[in-house]
Amino acid sequence: MTPSTGAPSSGAKPWDVVIIGGGNAGLVAAITARQHGQRVLVVERAPAAMRGGNTRHTRNIRCVHAGADGFTTGSYLADELWRDLCGVGTGPSNERLAELTVRESETVPGWMSDHGVRWQRPLAGTLQLGRTNHFFLGGGKALVNTYHRTVARMGIAVCYGTTVEDLVMDGDRCRGLVTAGGTIGARALVCASGGFEADLAWLRRYWGDAADNFLIRGSPDNDGRVIAALYRHGAASAGEERGFHAVAIDARSPRFDGGIATRLDSVPFGIVVNSGGRRFYDEGEEIWPKRYAIWGRNITEQPGQIAYSLWDAKVQGLFLPPMYDPAEAGSVGELAGMLGLDPTAVAQTVTDFNAAIRPGGTFDPAVLDDCAATGISPPKSHWAQPIDTPPYYGVPMRPGITFTYMGTAVTEQARVLRTDGTTFGNVFAAGEIMSGNILSTGYLAGFGLTIGSVWGRIAGAEAARHAHDG
């Protein structure tokens, strides 16, 4: 079947395995199901040019590896990944499923290489990920295109521009998908359609008016329709209602689909103030890959869901530059005025911060250094330097939602659980739609791709195995 803009005819023979969603998790599931000899269809809501969902905006994956391999600088063993995962947010939601994810991650880079993915050395200023994460050559768009070339060679069908509105259920089994173009028959189903972050009304249920100030880094297609359909048919939920991967992004970013370019990496190199010109959180709490994703929630809790990253000439150029030019001024007060802040309040905050810096430290952005600001609330645990060298720079920030965690509960076989404790007979889930089984409130850089890759393989294999059971 060649790529199309609508659903196949409702009178067509049911597909053995249908995958909803054409991002990383869905494509991995499709490839795996096809390797088990099944007829596979991927239903992609986006047109071909925008295929891939949030995967388009990725660039690396976090997996266990025993040593440096030419693309990482050292080993990253399972116990360390587990500690890192337990150290973000409130730890894993389901320890058994999280342990499985960590354990299976070790085989993922090899699997990706076997299916066409090429790697590169990490670039400078990329969140200190050179040891723990593998960077794929060309970023997320290249990853999606690589998998699609594999999909085409394997004879997997892809249907573009098709929105799944509902599921056709027969007891505990799904018989098909309802789309505007007709019903697509399915013997087994893998749901890999992402979270609900693009449905602002849904976000507003949990966040109230604050949701109106959220920016969505990823696909506008991730509005949770498949999650809602699963819930209507009795699927059990997993994950916290307010759980999400959210980072500090440039407040001038587009409302949807700004992607990774909108993220700001300046936070550890200066200070962050709210609309009142006051600091509100330790900017140097931990190595950036373990803590960058808390800043979306931090800003969510500030008045108007806005904050400002400020730094000086000493650190300019040590991190990836903002997508838009920062404000630049010869004095702190002038910079505050350019950002719409009270110059007196910001100048006092900077003065107090500078006075609190412990003397004698050695600045090193690659490690948890001994440069700290103490005796001040909040302190700055590491990378604290006086903000005293003009020109001064600043950028407004808002919460940038990457994906939500609340979705469907699954078993170790990726089978979707029902509210009565049983499972659907032939419905499976992988990726962001079931990430709430693993993640609580925090996030590790590159771990979303890990979840999608591990569970895509599990779901694809299990769907293939159950395609003809009922």
Protein backbone atom coordinates (compact mmCIF):
# COMPACT_ATOMS: atom_id res chain seq x y z
CA MET A 1 0.00 0.00 0.00
CA THR A 2 1.40 3.39 -0.92
CA PRO A 3 1.07 6.40 1.38
CA SER A 4 -2.39 7.93 1.21
CA THR A 5 -4.27 10.89 2.61
CA GLY A 6 -7.20 8.93 4.01
CA ALA A 7 -8.22 5.66 5.60
CA PRO A 8 -8.42 2.42 3.61
CA SER A 9 -11.87 1.33 2.53
CA SER A 10 -14.08 0.07 5.33
CA GLY A 11 -14.74 -3.03 3.26
CA ALA A 12 -11.10 -4.07 3.18
CA LYS A 13 -9.79 -7.17 4.88
CA PRO A 14 -8.86 -6.47 8.52
CA TRP A 15 -5.21 -5.77 9.14
CA ASP A 16 -3.39 -8.15 11.43
CA VAL A 17 -1.88 -5.30 13.45
CA VAL A 18 -2.84 -1.63 13.27
CA ILE A 19 -0.61 0.98 14.92
CA ILE A 20 -2.15 4.32 15.87
CA GLY A 21 0.63 6.91 15.72
CA GLY A 22 3.67 7.28 13.50
CA GLY A 23 6.27 8.48 15.98
CA ASN A 24 9.15 6.49 17.43
CA ALA A 25 7.05 4.10 19.52
CA GLY A 26 4.61 3.42 16.71
CA LEU A 27 7.28 2.82 14.09
CA VAL A 28 9.27 0.53 16.37
CA ALA A 29 6.07 -1.41 17.11
CA ALA A 30 5.25 -1.64 13.40
CA ILE A 31 8.70 -2.93 12.47
CA THR A 32 8.60 -5.47 15.28
CA ALA A 33 5.11 -6.71 14.39
CA ARG A 34 6.10 -7.08 10.76
CA GLN A 35 9.16 -9.10 11.76
CA HIS A 36 6.67 -11.56 13.26
CA GLY A 37 5.10 -12.02 9.85
CA GLN A 38 1.96 -9.94 10.23
CA ARG A 39 0.23 -7.51 7.86
CA VAL A 40 0.78 -4.15 9.50
CA LEU A 41 -0.80 -0.72 8.99
CA VAL A 42 0.44 2.51 10.61
CA VAL A 43 -2.27 5.17 10.94
CA GLU A 44 -0.64 8.61 11.08
CA ARG A 45 -2.76 11.65 11.82
CA ALA A 46 -0.32 14.12 10.30
CA PRO A 47 0.36 14.56 6.58
CA ALA A 48 3.52 12.91 5.31
CA ALA A 49 5.56 16.12 5.53
CA MET A 50 4.81 16.45 9.26
CA ARG A 51 4.89 12.78 10.21
CA GLY A 52 6.52 11.59 13.40
CA GLY A 53 4.76 13.51 16.17
CA ASN A 54 7.04 14.58 19.01
CA THR A 55 9.82 12.34 17.71
CA ARG A 56 10.59 15.02 15.13
CA HIS A 57 11.92 17.19 17.93
CA THR A 58 14.22 14.66 19.60
CA ARG A 59 17.94 14.10 19.18
CA ASN A 60 19.18 11.54 21.72
CA ILE A 61 18.25 8.49 23.73
CA ARG A 62 19.31 7.41 27.23
CA CYS A 63 20.22 3.73 27.51
CA VAL A 64 22.37 1.44 29.60
CA HIS A 65 25.79 0.75 28.07
CA ALA A 66 28.88 -0.97 29.41
CA GLY A 67 31.51 1.46 28.19
CA ALA A 68 32.53 4.14 25.72
CA ASP A 69 31.61 3.10 22.20
CA GLY A 70 32.77 5.94 19.99
CA PHE A 71 29.56 7.87 20.54
CA THR A 72 29.55 8.07 24.34
CA THR A 73 32.44 8.91 26.65
CA GLY A 74 32.06 6.16 29.23
CA SER A 75 29.91 3.50 30.83
CA TYR A 76 26.38 4.01 32.09
CA LEU A 77 25.29 0.93 33.96
CA ALA A 78 21.81 -0.14 34.96
CA ASP A 79 22.19 0.74 38.62
CA GLU A 80 23.17 4.31 37.75
CA LEU A 81 20.29 4.78 35.32
CA TRP A 82 17.97 3.39 37.99
CA ARG A 83 19.33 5.85 40.59
CA ASP A 84 18.93 8.71 38.14
CA LEU A 85 15.35 7.72 37.40
CA CYS A 86 14.55 7.45 41.10
CA GLY A 87 16.12 10.86 41.67
CA VAL A 88 13.76 12.86 39.44
CA GLY A 89 10.28 13.86 40.51
CA THR A 90 8.84 11.39 42.99
CA GLY A 91 10.54 8.44 41.34
CA PRO A 92 9.04 5.76 39.08
CA SER A 93 5.29 5.29 39.12
CA ASN A 94 5.49 1.51 38.79
CA GLU A 95 8.87 0.16 39.86
CA ARG A 96 8.39 -3.19 38.14
CA LEU A 97 7.69 -1.60 34.75
CA ALA A 98 10.40 1.00 35.27
CA GLU A 99 12.96 -1.70 36.06
CA LEU A 100 11.95 -3.54 32.89
CA THR A 101 12.46 -0.34 30.89
CA VAL A 102 15.92 0.21 32.35
CA ARG A 103 16.95 -3.39 31.80
CA GLU A 104 15.72 -3.61 28.21
CA SER A 105 17.23 -0.25 27.29
CA GLU A 106 20.67 -1.85 26.94
CA THR A 107 19.66 -3.58 23.71
CA VAL A 108 18.01 -0.52 22.14
CA PRO A 109 21.01 1.26 20.50
CA GLY A 110 22.03 -1.96 18.77
CA TRP A 111 18.47 -2.53 17.57
CA MET A 112 18.33 1.03 16.25
CA SER A 113 21.61 0.57 14.40
CA ASP A 114 20.31 -2.66 12.87
CA HIS A 115 17.36 -0.71 11.48
CA GLY A 116 19.33 2.06 9.85
CA VAL A 117 19.98 4.63 12.58
CA ARG A 118 23.39 6.32 12.50
CA TRP A 119 25.05 8.04 15.45
CA GLN A 120 27.16 11.10 16.12
CA ARG A 121 29.29 12.46 18.87
CA PRO A 122 27.35 14.85 21.12
CA LEU A 123 27.74 18.53 20.37
CA ALA A 124 29.12 21.04 22.87
CA GLY A 125 26.52 22.58 25.16
CA THR A 126 24.10 19.65 24.99
CA LEU A 127 23.12 19.24 28.64
CA GLN A 128 26.24 17.28 29.68
CA LEU A 129 24.93 14.11 28.03
CA GLY A 130 28.11 12.85 26.38
CA ARG A 131 28.48 9.87 28.71
CA THR A 132 24.87 8.84 29.32
CA ASN A 133 23.10 9.40 26.00
CA HIS A 134 23.50 8.39 22.37
CA PHE A 135 22.86 11.13 19.80
CA PHE A 136 21.42 10.04 16.46
CA LEU A 137 22.78 11.69 13.35
CA GLY A 138 20.43 14.32 11.95
CA GLY A 139 18.11 14.49 14.96
CA GLY A 140 14.52 13.37 15.27
CA LYS A 141 13.41 14.08 11.72
CA ALA A 142 16.24 11.91 10.40
CA LEU A 143 15.26 9.17 12.87
CA VAL A 144 11.67 9.23 11.61
CA ASN A 145 12.78 9.17 7.98
CA THR A 146 15.20 6.32 8.65
CA TYR A 147 12.50 4.18 10.21
CA HIS A 148 10.13 4.99 7.36
CA ARG A 149 12.68 3.73 4.86
CA THR A 150 12.83 0.51 6.87
CA VAL A 151 9.03 0.41 7.02
CA ALA A 152 8.79 0.78 3.23
CA ARG A 153 11.33 -1.99 2.60
CA MET A 154 9.40 -4.31 4.89
CA GLY A 155 6.09 -3.72 3.13
CA ILE A 156 4.38 -2.01 6.06
CA ALA A 157 1.50 0.21 4.95
CA VAL A 158 1.24 3.81 6.16
CA CYS A 159 -1.96 5.85 6.04
CA TYR A 160 -1.42 9.62 6.45
CA GLY A 161 -3.85 12.38 7.39
CA THR A 162 -6.13 9.99 9.26
CA THR A 163 -7.62 10.82 12.66
CA VAL A 164 -8.91 8.01 14.84
CA GLU A 165 -12.11 9.16 16.53
CA ASP A 166 -13.19 5.96 18.27
CA LEU A 167 -12.64 2.21 18.54
CA VAL A 168 -15.00 -0.56 17.50
CA MET A 169 -15.14 -2.92 20.45
CA ASP A 170 -16.56 -6.42 20.79
CA GLY A 171 -16.34 -7.36 24.43
CA ASP A 172 -12.70 -7.15 25.42
CA ARG A 173 -11.45 -7.07 21.82
CA CYS A 174 -11.02 -4.20 19.39
CA ARG A 175 -12.35 -4.98 15.92
CA GLY A 176 -11.57 -1.71 14.24
CA LEU A 177 -10.91 2.03 14.25
CA VAL A 178 -13.47 4.69 13.43
CA THR A 179 -12.15 7.45 11.15
CA ALA A 180 -13.75 10.09 8.94
CA GLY A 181 -12.85 7.96 5.92
CA GLY A 182 -14.45 4.80 7.26
CA THR A 183 -13.74 1.96 9.63
CA ILE A 184 -10.36 0.26 9.55
CA GLY A 185 -10.53 -3.39 10.55
CA ALA A 186 -7.92 -4.65 13.02
CA ARG A 187 -7.15 -8.02 14.57
CA ALA A 188 -4.80 -6.37 17.09
CA LEU A 189 -4.16 -2.75 17.99
CA VAL A 190 -1.16 -0.81 19.30
CA CYS A 191 -1.94 2.66 20.62
CA ALA A 192 1.13 4.89 20.25
CA SER A 193 -0.59 8.22 19.70
CA GLY A 194 1.00 10.37 22.39
CA GLY A 195 -0.47 12.31 25.28
CA PHE A 196 -3.14 15.00 25.55
CA GLU A 197 -0.92 18.07 25.89
CA ALA A 198 -2.33 19.78 22.77
CA ASP A 199 -5.85 19.78 24.23
CA LEU A 200 -5.71 22.97 26.26
CA ALA A 201 -9.21 22.40 27.64
CA TRP A 202 -8.06 19.05 29.03
CA LEU A 203 -5.01 20.67 30.62
CA ARG A 204 -7.28 23.33 32.09
CA ARG A 205 -9.16 20.65 34.06
CA TYR A 206 -6.08 20.18 36.24
CA TRP A 207 -4.28 23.52 35.95
CA GLY A 208 -7.11 26.02 35.67
CA ASP A 209 -6.31 29.34 34.02
CA ALA A 210 -2.57 28.65 34.26
CA ALA A 211 -2.95 26.35 31.24
CA ASP A 212 -3.69 29.40 29.09
CA ASN A 213 -0.03 30.39 29.55
CA PHE A 214 1.40 27.01 28.60
CA LEU A 215 3.25 26.61 25.33
CA ILE A 216 3.24 23.19 23.66
CA ARG A 217 6.67 22.18 22.35
CA GLY A 218 5.38 19.22 20.39
CA SER A 219 2.77 18.20 17.85
CA PRO A 220 -0.63 19.92 17.83
CA ASP A 221 -2.06 16.50 16.90
CA ASN A 222 -1.43 15.09 20.38
CA ASP A 223 -4.83 15.98 21.79
CA GLY A 224 -5.57 12.72 23.60
CA ARG A 225 -8.42 11.49 21.39
CA VAL A 226 -7.22 7.90 21.55
CA ILE A 227 -6.76 8.10 25.32
CA ALA A 228 -10.31 9.43 25.65
CA ALA A 229 -11.63 6.63 23.42
CA LEU A 230 -9.83 4.01 25.50
CA TYR A 231 -11.28 5.50 28.68
CA ARG A 232 -14.79 5.41 27.19
CA HIS A 233 -14.34 1.71 26.57
CA GLY A 234 -13.18 0.98 30.09
CA ALA A 235 -9.41 1.38 30.02
CA ALA A 236 -7.71 2.04 33.34
CA SER A 237 -5.64 5.18 33.71
CA ALA A 238 -2.03 5.46 34.83
CA GLY A 239 0.00 8.51 35.70
CA GLU A 240 -0.64 11.72 37.59
CA GLU A 241 -3.16 14.20 36.24
CA ARG A 242 -0.58 16.98 36.51
CA GLY A 243 2.32 14.82 35.44
CA PHE A 244 4.15 16.11 32.41
CA HIS A 245 7.54 16.68 30.83
CA ALA A 246 7.79 20.46 30.83
CA VAL A 247 10.84 22.66 30.46
CA ALA A 248 11.63 26.35 30.45
CA ILE A 249 11.25 27.67 26.92
CA ASP A 250 11.44 31.09 25.33
CA ALA A 251 8.18 32.92 26.06
CA ARG A 252 8.24 34.22 22.48
CA SER A 253 7.96 30.70 21.05
CA PRO A 254 4.99 29.57 18.92
CA ARG A 255 2.01 28.12 20.78
CA PHE A 256 2.53 24.67 19.23
CA ASP A 257 5.32 22.64 17.65
CA GLY A 258 8.28 24.89 18.49
CA GLY A 259 10.30 21.82 19.37
CA ILE A 260 13.71 21.51 20.92
CA ALA A 261 14.97 24.83 19.51
CA THR A 262 12.73 26.74 21.92
CA ARG A 263 14.37 25.28 25.05
CA LEU A 264 16.62 27.57 27.09
CA ASP A 265 19.88 26.16 28.46
CA SER A 266 20.96 29.31 30.28
CA VAL A 267 19.41 28.56 33.68
CA PRO A 268 22.48 27.08 35.49
CA PHE A 269 24.73 29.88 34.21
CA GLY A 270 22.97 32.80 35.88
CA ILE A 271 19.85 33.43 37.94
CA VAL A 272 16.11 33.15 37.31
CA VAL A 273 13.63 35.70 38.62
CA ASN A 274 9.84 35.89 38.54
CA SER A 275 7.65 38.81 37.49
CA GLY A 276 8.41 40.46 40.84
CA GLY A 277 12.15 40.38 40.15
CA ARG A 278 12.84 37.75 42.82
CA ARG A 279 14.63 34.42 42.64
CA PHE A 280 12.46 31.43 43.56
CA TYR A 281 14.48 28.22 43.03
CA ASP A 282 18.06 26.91 43.18
CA GLU A 283 19.39 27.28 39.63
CA GLY A 284 22.39 25.03 40.36
CA GLU A 285 20.70 22.18 42.19
CA GLU A 286 22.01 19.27 40.10
CA ILE A 287 23.60 18.31 36.80
CA TRP A 288 21.36 19.85 34.14
CA PRO A 289 20.04 16.67 32.44
CA LYS A 290 18.52 15.58 35.75
CA ARG A 291 16.98 18.93 36.58
CA TYR A 292 16.23 20.87 33.39
CA ALA A 293 12.74 19.36 33.20
CA ILE A 294 11.70 20.68 36.62
CA TRP A 295 11.81 24.24 35.37
CA GLY A 296 8.60 23.99 33.42
CA ARG A 297 6.75 23.12 36.61
CA ASN A 298 8.72 25.71 38.59
CA ILE A 299 7.55 28.45 36.23
CA THR A 300 4.01 27.07 36.24
CA GLU A 301 3.88 27.84 39.96
CA GLN A 302 4.95 31.48 39.51
CA PRO A 303 2.54 34.41 38.99
CA GLY A 304 1.41 34.56 35.39
CA GLN A 305 3.46 31.44 34.60
CA ILE A 306 6.41 33.55 33.48
CA ALA A 307 10.02 33.92 34.61
CA TYR A 308 13.24 35.46 33.32
CA SER A 309 16.69 33.98 32.88
CA LEU A 310 19.48 36.50 33.49
CA TRP A 311 23.23 36.12 32.87
CA ASP A 312 26.30 38.19 32.10
CA ALA A 313 29.15 38.31 29.58
CA LYS A 314 31.33 35.84 31.55
CA VAL A 315 29.14 32.89 30.57
CA GLN A 316 27.81 34.06 27.23
CA GLY A 317 28.70 31.36 24.71
CA LEU A 318 29.02 28.50 27.22
CA PHE A 319 25.57 27.10 26.34
CA LEU A 320 23.42 26.71 23.26
CA PRO A 321 22.09 30.14 22.29
CA PRO A 322 18.38 30.95 22.51
CA MET A 323 16.33 30.63 19.34
CA TYR A 324 15.56 34.35 19.55
CA ASP A 325 18.12 36.98 20.48
CA PRO A 326 18.17 37.78 24.21
CA ALA A 327 17.71 41.27 25.54
CA GLU A 328 21.13 42.89 26.01
CA ALA A 329 22.01 45.89 28.16
CA GLY A 330 24.93 47.66 29.79
CA SER A 331 23.48 47.49 33.30
CA VAL A 332 21.23 45.18 35.29
CA GLY A 333 18.64 47.90 35.77
CA GLU A 334 18.52 48.66 32.07
CA LEU A 335 18.12 44.95 31.30
CA ALA A 336 15.25 44.67 33.77
CA GLY A 337 13.47 47.58 32.13
CA MET A 338 13.85 45.99 28.69
CA LEU A 339 12.20 42.84 30.04
CA GLY A 340 9.33 44.75 31.65
CA LEU A 341 10.58 44.16 35.19
CA ASP A 342 11.08 46.57 38.09
CA PRO A 343 14.73 47.73 37.73
CA THR A 344 15.12 48.41 41.44
CA ALA A 345 13.83 44.98 42.47
CA VAL A 346 16.02 43.11 39.97
CA ALA A 347 19.11 45.16 40.84
CA GLN A 348 18.60 44.38 44.54
CA THR A 349 18.16 40.67 43.77
CA VAL A 350 21.43 40.63 41.84
CA THR A 351 23.24 42.56 44.58
CA ASP A 352 22.02 40.15 47.25
CA PHE A 353 22.94 37.15 45.12
CA ASN A 354 26.44 38.42 44.41
CA ALA A 355 27.04 39.08 48.09
CA ALA A 356 26.01 35.53 49.00
CA ILE A 357 28.55 33.80 46.75
CA ARG A 358 31.04 31.78 48.76
CA PRO A 359 34.61 32.88 47.91
CA GLY A 360 37.26 30.56 46.56
CA GLY A 361 35.23 28.32 44.28
CA THR A 362 36.40 27.03 40.90
CA PHE A 363 33.78 27.33 38.20
CA ASP A 364 33.34 24.20 36.07
CA PRO A 365 30.05 23.75 34.17
CA ALA A 366 30.87 20.10 33.39
CA VAL A 367 30.67 18.89 37.01
CA LEU A 368 28.99 19.74 40.30
CA ASP A 369 31.55 22.39 41.16
CA ASP A 370 32.19 24.19 44.46
CA CYS A 371 30.83 27.58 43.41
CA ALA A 372 27.84 28.22 45.66
CA ALA A 373 25.71 31.05 46.97
CA THR A 374 24.84 30.42 50.61
CA GLY A 375 22.99 32.22 53.39
CA ILE A 376 20.35 33.31 50.90
CA SER A 377 16.94 31.90 50.01
CA PRO A 378 16.96 30.13 47.72
CA PRO A 379 20.65 29.18 47.68
CA LYS A 380 22.50 28.30 44.51
CA SER A 381 24.27 24.99 45.06
CA HIS A 382 26.69 25.03 42.12
CA TRP A 383 27.96 27.26 39.30
CA ALA A 384 27.34 30.44 41.29
CA GLN A 385 29.32 33.37 39.93
CA PRO A 386 28.76 37.09 40.47
CA ILE A 387 26.59 38.67 37.80
CA ASP A 388 28.86 41.67 37.36
CA THR A 389 30.31 41.73 33.86
CA PRO A 390 28.51 43.71 31.15
CA PRO A 391 26.84 43.31 28.82
CA TYR A 392 24.00 41.62 30.65
CA TYR A 393 21.50 39.31 28.97
CA GLY A 394 17.97 38.15 29.66
CA VAL A 395 15.18 36.05 28.15
CA PRO A 396 11.52 35.65 29.21
CA MET A 397 10.47 32.04 29.86
CA ARG A 398 7.22 30.10 29.98
CA PRO A 399 6.42 26.44 30.67
CA GLY A 400 6.94 24.40 27.52
CA ILE A 401 4.95 21.17 27.67
CA THR A 402 6.55 18.29 25.78
CA PHE A 403 4.12 15.53 26.71
CA THR A 404 1.68 14.58 29.46
CA TYR A 405 2.08 11.44 31.54
CA MET A 406 -1.49 10.45 32.38
CA GLY A 407 -2.63 7.78 29.94
CA THR A 408 -3.39 4.08 29.91
CA ALA A 409 -2.29 1.49 32.45
CA VAL A 410 -0.44 -1.50 30.99
CA THR A 411 0.97 -4.86 31.99
CA GLU A 412 4.54 -6.08 31.45
CA GLN A 413 3.32 -7.31 28.06
CA ALA A 414 2.11 -3.79 27.15
CA ARG A 415 -1.51 -4.97 27.28
CA VAL A 416 -3.91 -2.19 28.19
CA LEU A 417 -5.58 -2.77 31.54
CA ARG A 418 -9.27 -2.21 32.17
CA THR A 419 -10.85 -0.59 35.18
CA ASP A 420 -12.11 -3.99 36.41
CA GLY A 421 -8.54 -5.30 36.63
CA THR A 422 -8.69 -7.41 33.47
CA THR A 423 -6.96 -6.61 30.21
CA PHE A 424 -8.21 -6.01 26.71
CA GLY A 425 -7.70 -9.09 24.60
CA ASN A 426 -5.85 -7.42 21.73
CA VAL A 427 -5.14 -3.79 22.67
CA PHE A 428 -1.60 -2.69 23.52
CA ALA A 429 0.11 0.64 24.17
CA ALA A 430 3.59 2.10 23.78
CA GLY A 431 5.29 5.46 24.17
CA GLU A 432 3.94 8.64 25.68
CA ILE A 433 0.39 7.29 25.94
CA MET A 434 1.59 4.86 28.63
CA SER A 435 4.54 6.84 30.02
CA GLY A 436 2.66 7.46 33.27
CA ASN A 437 3.35 3.83 34.17
CA ILE A 438 7.03 4.78 34.34
CA LEU A 439 7.27 8.52 35.03
CA SER A 440 5.72 10.44 37.90
CA THR A 441 6.52 14.16 37.88
CA GLY A 442 10.17 14.35 36.82
CA TYR A 443 12.07 13.55 33.65
CA LEU A 444 15.52 12.46 32.47
CA ALA A 445 16.83 13.84 29.19
CA GLY A 446 16.41 11.28 26.41
CA PHE A 447 14.27 8.87 28.44
CA GLY A 448 11.06 9.43 26.49
CA LEU A 449 12.72 7.82 23.45
CA THR A 450 13.84 4.98 25.73
CA ILE A 451 10.28 4.30 26.85
CA GLY A 452 9.00 4.45 23.27
CA SER A 453 11.70 2.11 21.96
CA VAL A 454 11.46 -0.48 24.73
CA TRP A 455 7.68 -0.59 24.83
CA GLY A 456 7.27 -0.27 21.08
CA ARG A 457 9.15 -3.54 20.70
CA ILE A 458 7.13 -5.21 23.46
CA ALA A 459 3.80 -3.98 22.12
CA GLY A 460 4.62 -4.86 18.52
CA ALA A 461 5.65 -8.40 19.40
CA GLU A 462 2.68 -9.00 21.67
CA ALA A 463 0.19 -7.53 19.20
CA ALA A 464 1.56 -9.81 16.50
CA ARG A 465 1.22 -12.79 18.80
CA HIS A 466 -2.40 -11.97 19.70
CA ALA A 467 -3.56 -10.89 16.25
CA HIS A 468 -5.44 -14.10 15.53
CA ASP A 469 -6.48 -15.18 19.03
CA GLY A 470 -10.05 -13.96 18.96
